[in-house]
């Protein structure tokens, strides 16, 4: 299994796991789906020369992962008694 396929598989699994959390929050769900789409595009860009993006593609992937975690935290907060 090549690296791109592994990344896509991980994204699908993480999306499925978090979908339950987000289904009550359609805006968060749509934002998460857009992040997944962006991650897929950036993963596909890995087929190009490693130096073509000067490390910015990798940084973008890291920031998208952070954004995904924040969306998940927002959904969890909305469901908690902390509000």
PDB file of N, CA and C in Angstrom:
ATOM      1  N   UNK A   1       0.863  -1.170   0.000  1.00  0.00           N
ATOM      2  CA  UNK A   1       0.000   0.000   0.000  1.00  0.00           C
ATOM      3  C   UNK A   1       0.913   1.239   0.000  1.00  0.00           C
ATOM      4  N   UNK A   2       0.699   2.124  -0.953  1.00  0.00           N
ATOM      5  CA  UNK A   2       1.559   3.297  -1.003  1.00  0.00           C
ATOM      6  C   UNK A   2       1.139   4.323   0.050  1.00  0.00           C
ATOM      7  N   UNK A   3       1.986   5.299   0.233  1.00  0.00           N
ATOM      8  CA  UNK A   3       1.779   6.286   1.296  1.00  0.00           C
ATOM      9  C   UNK A   3       0.482   7.075   1.115  1.00  0.00           C
ATOM     10  N   UNK A   4       0.180   7.466  -0.108  1.00  0.00           N
ATOM     11  CA  UNK A   4      -1.034   8.243  -0.362  1.00  0.00           C
ATOM     12  C   UNK A   4      -2.273   7.451   0.003  1.00  0.00           C
ATOM     13  N   UNK A   5      -2.300   6.180  -0.366  1.00  0.00           N
ATOM     14  CA  UNK A   5      -3.454   5.335  -0.041  1.00  0.00           C
ATOM     15  C   UNK A   5      -3.591   5.173   1.469  1.00  0.00           C
ATOM     16  N   UNK A   6      -2.476   5.052   2.166  1.00  0.00           N
ATOM     17  CA  UNK A   6      -2.507   4.913   3.620  1.00  0.00           C
ATOM     18  C   UNK A   6      -3.060   6.185   4.268  1.00  0.00           C
ATOM     19  N   UNK A   7      -2.646   7.341   3.772  1.00  0.00           N
ATOM     20  CA  UNK A   7      -3.139   8.610   4.301  1.00  0.00           C
ATOM     21  C   UNK A   7      -4.646   8.726   4.078  1.00  0.00           C
ATOM     22  N   UNK A   8      -5.090   8.395   2.873  1.00  0.00           N
ATOM     23  CA  UNK A   8      -6.519   8.470   2.562  1.00  0.00           C
ATOM     24  C   UNK A   8      -7.305   7.509   3.449  1.00  0.00           C
ATOM     25  N   UNK A   9      -6.803   6.300   3.650  1.00  0.00           N
ATOM     26  CA  UNK A   9      -7.473   5.329   4.506  1.00  0.00           C
ATOM     27  C   UNK A   9      -7.594   5.847   5.936  1.00  0.00           C
ATOM     28  N   UNK A  10      -6.542   6.440   6.450  1.00  0.00           N
ATOM     29  CA  UNK A  10      -6.584   7.006   7.801  1.00  0.00           C
ATOM     30  C   UNK A  10      -7.603   8.130   7.898  1.00  0.00           C
ATOM     31  N   UNK A  11      -7.685   8.945   6.849  1.00  0.00           N
ATOM     32  CA  UNK A  11      -8.652  10.040   6.852  1.00  0.00           C
ATOM     33  C   UNK A  11     -10.074   9.509   6.858  1.00  0.00           C
ATOM     34  N   UNK A  12     -10.331   8.466   6.103  1.00  0.00           N
ATOM     35  CA  UNK A  12     -11.678   7.890   6.049  1.00  0.00           C
ATOM     36  C   UNK A  12     -12.064   7.316   7.404  1.00  0.00           C
ATOM     37  N   UNK A  13     -11.153   6.596   8.027  1.00  0.00           N
ATOM     38  CA  UNK A  13     -11.430   6.000   9.333  1.00  0.00           C
ATOM     39  C   UNK A  13     -11.667   7.084  10.379  1.00  0.00           C
ATOM     40  N   UNK A  14     -10.824   8.132  10.384  1.00  0.00           N
ATOM     41  CA  UNK A  14     -11.002   9.186  11.385  1.00  0.00           C
ATOM     42  C   UNK A  14     -12.297   9.953  11.149  1.00  0.00           C
ATOM     43  N   UNK A  15     -12.663  10.139   9.898  1.00  0.00           N
ATOM     44  CA  UNK A  15     -13.922  10.826   9.590  1.00  0.00           C
ATOM     45  C   UNK A  15     -15.114  10.003  10.065  1.00  0.00           C
ATOM     46  N   UNK A  16     -15.080   8.713   9.824  1.00  0.00           N
ATOM     47  CA  UNK A  16     -16.185   7.850  10.250  1.00  0.00           C
ATOM     48  C   UNK A  16     -16.315   7.851  11.767  1.00  0.00           C
ATOM     49  N   UNK A  17     -15.203   7.833  12.461  1.00  0.00           N
ATOM     50  CA  UNK A  17     -15.236   7.821  13.923  1.00  0.00           C
ATOM     51  C   UNK A  17     -15.795   9.115  14.488  1.00  0.00           C
ATOM     52  N   UNK A  18     -15.504  10.226  13.836  1.00  0.00           N
ATOM     53  CA  UNK A  18     -15.956  11.510  14.348  1.00  0.00           C
ATOM     54  C   UNK A  18     -17.338  11.901  13.845  1.00  0.00           C
ATOM     55  N   UNK A  19     -17.859  11.217  12.854  1.00  0.00           N
ATOM     56  CA  UNK A  19     -19.152  11.573  12.268  1.00  0.00           C
ATOM     57  C   UNK A  19     -20.272  11.514  13.302  1.00  0.00           C
ATOM     58  N   UNK A  20     -20.198  10.563  14.205  1.00  0.00           N
ATOM     59  CA  UNK A  20     -21.221  10.427  15.240  1.00  0.00           C
ATOM     60  C   UNK A  20     -21.263  11.686  16.102  1.00  0.00           C
ATOM     61  N   UNK A  21     -20.094  12.214  16.432  1.00  0.00           N
ATOM     62  CA  UNK A  21     -19.979  13.393  17.265  1.00  0.00           C
ATOM     63  C   UNK A  21     -20.571  14.620  16.579  1.00  0.00           C
ATOM     64  N   UNK A  22     -20.428  14.702  15.274  1.00  0.00           N
ATOM     65  CA  UNK A  22     -20.787  15.913  14.549  1.00  0.00           C
ATOM     66  C   UNK A  22     -22.205  15.917  13.995  1.00  0.00           C
ATOM     67  N   UNK A  23     -22.891  14.820  14.004  1.00  0.00           N
ATOM     68  CA  UNK A  23     -24.162  14.779  13.279  1.00  0.00           C
ATOM     69  C   UNK A  23     -25.202  15.761  13.813  1.00  0.00           C
ATOM     70  N   UNK A  24     -25.081  16.175  15.061  1.00  0.00           N
ATOM     71  CA  UNK A  24     -26.011  17.160  15.620  1.00  0.00           C
ATOM     72  C   UNK A  24     -25.589  18.589  15.277  1.00  0.00           C
ATOM     73  N   UNK A  25     -24.444  18.731  14.664  1.00  0.00           N
ATOM     74  CA  UNK A  25     -23.883  20.049  14.366  1.00  0.00           C
ATOM     75  C   UNK A  25     -23.501  20.107  12.888  1.00  0.00           C
ATOM     76  N   UNK A  26     -24.468  20.397  12.014  1.00  0.00           N
ATOM     77  CA  UNK A  26     -24.208  20.325  10.572  1.00  0.00           C
ATOM     78  C   UNK A  26     -23.097  21.254  10.082  1.00  0.00           C
ATOM     79  N   UNK A  27     -22.944  22.424  10.707  1.00  0.00           N
ATOM     80  CA  UNK A  27     -21.868  23.320  10.266  1.00  0.00           C
ATOM     81  C   UNK A  27     -20.502  22.722  10.573  1.00  0.00           C
ATOM     82  N   UNK A  28     -20.381  22.125  11.743  1.00  0.00           N
ATOM     83  CA  UNK A  28     -19.118  21.469  12.088  1.00  0.00           C
ATOM     84  C   UNK A  28     -18.868  20.280  11.177  1.00  0.00           C
ATOM     85  N   UNK A  29     -19.917  19.550  10.876  1.00  0.00           N
ATOM     86  CA  UNK A  29     -19.786  18.386   9.996  1.00  0.00           C
ATOM     87  C   UNK A  29     -19.316  18.812   8.605  1.00  0.00           C
ATOM     88  N   UNK A  30     -19.898  19.883   8.084  1.00  0.00           N
ATOM     89  CA  UNK A  30     -19.489  20.365   6.754  1.00  0.00           C
ATOM     90  C   UNK A  30     -18.051  20.886   6.774  1.00  0.00           C
ATOM     91  N   UNK A  31     -17.680  21.584   7.837  1.00  0.00           N
ATOM     92  CA  UNK A  31     -16.305  22.078   7.949  1.00  0.00           C
ATOM     93  C   UNK A  31     -15.319  20.915   7.983  1.00  0.00           C
ATOM     94  N   UNK A  32     -15.669  19.876   8.738  1.00  0.00           N
ATOM     95  CA  UNK A  32     -14.797  18.700   8.823  1.00  0.00           C
ATOM     96  C   UNK A  32     -14.675  18.016   7.462  1.00  0.00           C
ATOM     97  N   UNK A  33     -15.756  17.949   6.722  1.00  0.00           N
ATOM     98  CA  UNK A  33     -15.716  17.338   5.391  1.00  0.00           C
ATOM     99  C   UNK A  33     -14.827  18.141   4.451  1.00  0.00           C
ATOM    100  N   UNK A  34     -14.880  19.454   4.560  1.00  0.00           N
ATOM    101  CA  UNK A  34     -14.030  20.291   3.718  1.00  0.00           C
ATOM    102  C   UNK A  34     -12.558  20.131   4.084  1.00  0.00           C
ATOM    103  N   UNK A  35     -12.286  19.972   5.371  1.00  0.00           N
ATOM    104  CA  UNK A  35     -10.907  19.715   5.795  1.00  0.00           C
ATOM    105  C   UNK A  35     -10.426  18.389   5.227  1.00  0.00           C
ATOM    106  N   UNK A  36     -11.277  17.367   5.282  1.00  0.00           N
ATOM    107  CA  UNK A  36     -10.901  16.065   4.733  1.00  0.00           C
ATOM    108  C   UNK A  36     -10.612  16.173   3.233  1.00  0.00           C
ATOM    109  N   UNK A  37     -11.411  16.945   2.523  1.00  0.00           N
ATOM    110  CA  UNK A  37     -11.186  17.126   1.091  1.00  0.00           C
ATOM    111  C   UNK A  37      -9.846  17.817   0.843  1.00  0.00           C
ATOM    112  N   UNK A  38      -9.563  18.830   1.640  1.00  0.00           N
ATOM    113  CA  UNK A  38      -8.290  19.543   1.500  1.00  0.00           C
ATOM    114  C   UNK A  38      -7.114  18.622   1.810  1.00  0.00           C
ATOM    115  N   UNK A  39      -7.261  17.806   2.845  1.00  0.00           N
ATOM    116  CA  UNK A  39      -6.188  16.858   3.184  1.00  0.00           C
ATOM    117  C   UNK A  39      -5.968  15.866   2.049  1.00  0.00           C
ATOM    118  N   UNK A  40      -7.048  15.434   1.424  1.00  0.00           N
ATOM    119  CA  UNK A  40      -6.919  14.515   0.292  1.00  0.00           C
ATOM    120  C   UNK A  40      -6.170  15.143  -0.867  1.00  0.00           C
ATOM    121  N   UNK A  41      -6.469  16.398  -1.144  1.00  0.00           N
ATOM    122  CA  UNK A  41      -5.774  17.100  -2.224  1.00  0.00           C
ATOM    123  C   UNK A  41      -4.293  17.276  -1.905  1.00  0.00           C
ATOM    124  N   UNK A  42      -4.003  17.633  -0.666  1.00  0.00           N
ATOM    125  CA  UNK A  42      -2.602  17.800  -0.272  1.00  0.00           C
ATOM    126  C   UNK A  42      -1.857  16.474  -0.258  1.00  0.00           C
ATOM    127  N   UNK A  43      -2.536  15.401   0.123  1.00  0.00           N
ATOM    128  CA  UNK A  43      -1.913  14.073   0.087  1.00  0.00           C
ATOM    129  C   UNK A  43      -1.602  13.680  -1.348  1.00  0.00           C
ATOM    130  N   UNK A  44      -2.502  13.988  -2.262  1.00  0.00           N
ATOM    131  CA  UNK A  44      -2.273  13.673  -3.670  1.00  0.00           C
ATOM    132  C   UNK A  44      -1.098  14.470  -4.221  1.00  0.00           C
ATOM    133  N   UNK A  45      -0.879  15.659  -3.696  1.00  0.00           N
ATOM    134  CA  UNK A  45       0.234  16.492  -4.150  1.00  0.00           C
ATOM    135  C   UNK A  45       1.580  15.897  -3.765  1.00  0.00           C
ATOM    136  N   UNK A  46       1.593  14.891  -2.895  1.00  0.00           N
ATOM    137  CA  UNK A  46       2.824  14.231  -2.473  1.00  0.00           C
ATOM    138  C   UNK A  46       3.489  13.500  -3.628  1.00  0.00           C
ATOM    139  N   UNK A  47       2.769  13.270  -4.701  1.00  0.00           N
ATOM    140  CA  UNK A  47       3.335  12.580  -5.850  1.00  0.00           C
ATOM    141  C   UNK A  47       4.339  13.444  -6.604  1.00  0.00           C
ATOM    142  N   UNK A  48       4.329  14.741  -6.335  1.00  0.00           N
ATOM    143  CA  UNK A  48       5.265  15.648  -6.987  1.00  0.00           C
ATOM    144  C   UNK A  48       6.613  15.609  -6.283  1.00  0.00           C
ATOM    145  N   UNK A  49       7.571  16.346  -6.812  1.00  0.00           N
ATOM    146  CA  UNK A  49       8.891  16.414  -6.191  1.00  0.00           C
ATOM    147  C   UNK A  49       8.760  16.843  -4.736  1.00  0.00           C
ATOM    148  N   UNK A  50       9.504  16.205  -3.873  1.00  0.00           N
ATOM    149  CA  UNK A  50       9.414  16.481  -2.434  1.00  0.00           C
ATOM    150  C   UNK A  50       9.751  17.929  -2.103  1.00  0.00           C
ATOM    151  N   UNK A  51      10.612  18.552  -2.882  1.00  0.00           N
ATOM    152  CA  UNK A  51      11.040  19.914  -2.577  1.00  0.00           C
ATOM    153  C   UNK A  51      10.174  20.973  -3.259  1.00  0.00           C
ATOM    154  N   UNK A  52       9.207  20.557  -4.041  1.00  0.00           N
ATOM    155  CA  UNK A  52       8.423  21.500  -4.829  1.00  0.00           C
ATOM    156  C   UNK A  52       7.672  22.508  -3.963  1.00  0.00           C
ATOM    157  N   UNK A  53       7.238  22.122  -2.796  1.00  0.00           N
ATOM    158  CA  UNK A  53       6.415  22.997  -1.976  1.00  0.00           C
ATOM    159  C   UNK A  53       7.167  23.575  -0.778  1.00  0.00           C
ATOM    160  N   UNK A  54       8.441  23.309  -0.675  1.00  0.00           N
ATOM    161  CA  UNK A  54       9.276  23.920   0.362  1.00  0.00           C
ATOM    162  C   UNK A  54       8.827  23.651   1.786  1.00  0.00           C
ATOM    163  N   UNK A  55       8.209  22.507   2.018  1.00  0.00           N
ATOM    164  CA  UNK A  55       7.744  22.150   3.363  1.00  0.00           C
ATOM    165  C   UNK A  55       6.384  22.725   3.726  1.00  0.00           C
ATOM    166  N   UNK A  56       5.842  23.570   2.874  1.00  0.00           N
ATOM    167  CA  UNK A  56       4.555  24.202   3.181  1.00  0.00           C
ATOM    168  C   UNK A  56       3.383  23.242   3.071  1.00  0.00           C
ATOM    169  N   UNK A  57       3.469  22.250   2.184  1.00  0.00           N
ATOM    170  CA  UNK A  57       2.414  21.244   2.067  1.00  0.00           C
ATOM    171  C   UNK A  57       2.305  20.453   3.368  1.00  0.00           C
ATOM    172  N   UNK A  58       3.442  20.064   3.902  1.00  0.00           N
ATOM    173  CA  UNK A  58       3.463  19.307   5.158  1.00  0.00           C
ATOM    174  C   UNK A  58       2.913  20.158   6.299  1.00  0.00           C
ATOM    175  N   UNK A  59       3.297  21.426   6.354  1.00  0.00           N
ATOM    176  CA  UNK A  59       2.796  22.325   7.393  1.00  0.00           C
ATOM    177  C   UNK A  59       1.281  22.500   7.261  1.00  0.00           C
ATOM    178  N   UNK A  60       0.798  22.615   6.038  1.00  0.00           N
ATOM    179  CA  UNK A  60      -0.649  22.741   5.812  1.00  0.00           C
ATOM    180  C   UNK A  60      -1.374  21.502   6.322  1.00  0.00           C
ATOM    181  N   UNK A  61      -0.814  20.316   6.071  1.00  0.00           N
ATOM    182  CA  UNK A  61      -1.424  19.076   6.573  1.00  0.00           C
ATOM    183  C   UNK A  61      -1.478  19.077   8.097  1.00  0.00           C
ATOM    184  N   UNK A  62      -0.409  19.533   8.730  1.00  0.00           N
ATOM    185  CA  UNK A  62      -0.376  19.595  10.195  1.00  0.00           C
ATOM    186  C   UNK A  62      -1.442  20.559  10.726  1.00  0.00           C
ATOM    187  N   UNK A  63      -1.578  21.698  10.072  1.00  0.00           N
ATOM    188  CA  UNK A  63      -2.571  22.683  10.519  1.00  0.00           C
ATOM    189  C   UNK A  63      -4.001  22.188  10.290  1.00  0.00           C
ATOM    190  N   UNK A  64      -4.218  21.459   9.213  1.00  0.00           N
ATOM    191  CA  UNK A  64      -5.544  20.889   8.976  1.00  0.00           C
ATOM    192  C   UNK A  64      -5.876  19.846  10.035  1.00  0.00           C
ATOM    193  N   UNK A  65      -4.872  19.075  10.444  1.00  0.00           N
ATOM    194  CA  UNK A  65      -5.094  18.097  11.520  1.00  0.00           C
ATOM    195  C   UNK A  65      -5.468  18.817  12.816  1.00  0.00           C
ATOM    196  N   UNK A  66      -4.788  19.914  13.095  1.00  0.00           N
ATOM    197  CA  UNK A  66      -5.106  20.707  14.288  1.00  0.00           C
ATOM    198  C   UNK A  66      -6.522  21.272  14.194  1.00  0.00           C
ATOM    199  N   UNK A  67      -6.886  21.781  13.032  1.00  0.00           N
ATOM    200  CA  UNK A  67      -8.235  22.318  12.831  1.00  0.00           C
ATOM    201  C   UNK A  67      -9.280  21.238  13.046  1.00  0.00           C
ATOM    202  N   UNK A  68      -9.004  20.041  12.572  1.00  0.00           N
ATOM    203  CA  UNK A  68      -9.938  18.925  12.748  1.00  0.00           C
ATOM    204  C   UNK A  68     -10.120  18.598  14.229  1.00  0.00           C
ATOM    205  N   UNK A  69      -9.046  18.645  14.981  1.00  0.00           N
ATOM    206  CA  UNK A  69      -9.126  18.387  16.423  1.00  0.00           C
ATOM    207  C   UNK A  69      -9.944  19.474  17.120  1.00  0.00           C
ATOM    208  N   UNK A  70      -9.775  20.719  16.680  1.00  0.00           N
ATOM    209  CA  UNK A  70     -10.533  21.820  17.277  1.00  0.00           C
ATOM    210  C   UNK A  70     -12.024  21.701  16.969  1.00  0.00           C
ATOM    211  N   UNK A  71     -12.353  21.262  15.770  1.00  0.00           N
ATOM    212  CA  UNK A  71     -13.762  21.053  15.421  1.00  0.00           C
ATOM    213  C   UNK A  71     -14.352  19.953  16.294  1.00  0.00           C
ATOM    214  N   UNK A  72     -13.594  18.892  16.494  1.00  0.00           N
ATOM    215  CA  UNK A  72     -14.057  17.804  17.350  1.00  0.00           C
ATOM    216  C   UNK A  72     -14.242  18.299  18.788  1.00  0.00           C
ATOM    217  N   UNK A  73     -13.309  19.122  19.260  1.00  0.00           N
ATOM    218  CA  UNK A  73     -13.424  19.676  20.613  1.00  0.00           C
ATOM    219  C   UNK A  73     -14.643  20.593  20.721  1.00  0.00           C
ATOM    220  N   UNK A  74     -14.921  21.346  19.668  1.00  0.00           N
ATOM    221  CA  UNK A  74     -16.096  22.221  19.669  1.00  0.00           C
ATOM    222  C   UNK A  74     -17.376  21.403  19.776  1.00  0.00           C
ATOM    223  N   UNK A  75     -17.442  20.313  19.040  1.00  0.00           N
ATOM    224  CA  UNK A  75     -18.617  19.450  19.094  1.00  0.00           C
ATOM    225  C   UNK A  75     -18.767  18.827  20.478  1.00  0.00           C
ATOM    226  N   UNK A  76     -17.654  18.375  21.045  1.00  0.00           N
ATOM    227  CA  UNK A  76     -17.708  17.773  22.378  1.00  0.00           C
ATOM    228  C   UNK A  76     -18.151  18.808  23.410  1.00  0.00           C
ATOM    229  N   UNK A  77     -17.645  20.030  23.282  1.00  0.00           N
ATOM    230  CA  UNK A  77     -18.028  21.103  24.222  1.00  0.00           C
ATOM    231  C   UNK A  77     -19.521  21.406  24.103  1.00  0.00           C
ATOM    232  N   UNK A  78     -20.011  21.445  22.883  1.00  0.00           N
ATOM    233  CA  UNK A  78     -21.421  21.742  22.665  1.00  0.00           C
ATOM    234  C   UNK A  78     -22.310  20.681  23.311  1.00  0.00           C
ATOM    235  N   UNK A  79     -21.824  19.471  23.385  1.00  0.00           N
ATOM    236  CA  UNK A  79     -22.597  18.365  23.967  1.00  0.00           C
ATOM    237  C   UNK A  79     -22.405  18.240  25.470  1.00  0.00           C
ATOM    238  N   UNK A  80     -21.421  18.947  26.012  1.00  0.00           N
ATOM    239  CA  UNK A  80     -21.129  18.801  27.432  1.00  0.00           C
ATOM    240  C   UNK A  80     -22.027  19.706  28.272  1.00  0.00           C
ATOM    241  N   UNK A  81     -21.906  19.564  29.564  1.00  0.00           N
ATOM    242  CA  UNK A  81     -22.657  20.398  30.498  1.00  0.00           C
ATOM    243  C   UNK A  81     -21.932  21.692  30.798  1.00  0.00           C
ATOM    244  N   UNK A  82     -20.781  21.915  30.175  1.00  0.00           N
ATOM    245  CA  UNK A  82     -19.962  23.100  30.469  1.00  0.00           C
ATOM    246  C   UNK A  82     -20.571  24.383  29.939  1.00  0.00           C
ATOM    247  N   UNK A  83     -21.529  24.258  29.004  1.00  0.00           N
ATOM    248  CA  UNK A  83     -22.108  25.467  28.408  1.00  0.00           C
ATOM    249  C   UNK A  83     -22.887  26.199  29.393  1.00  0.00           C
TER     250      UNK A  83
END
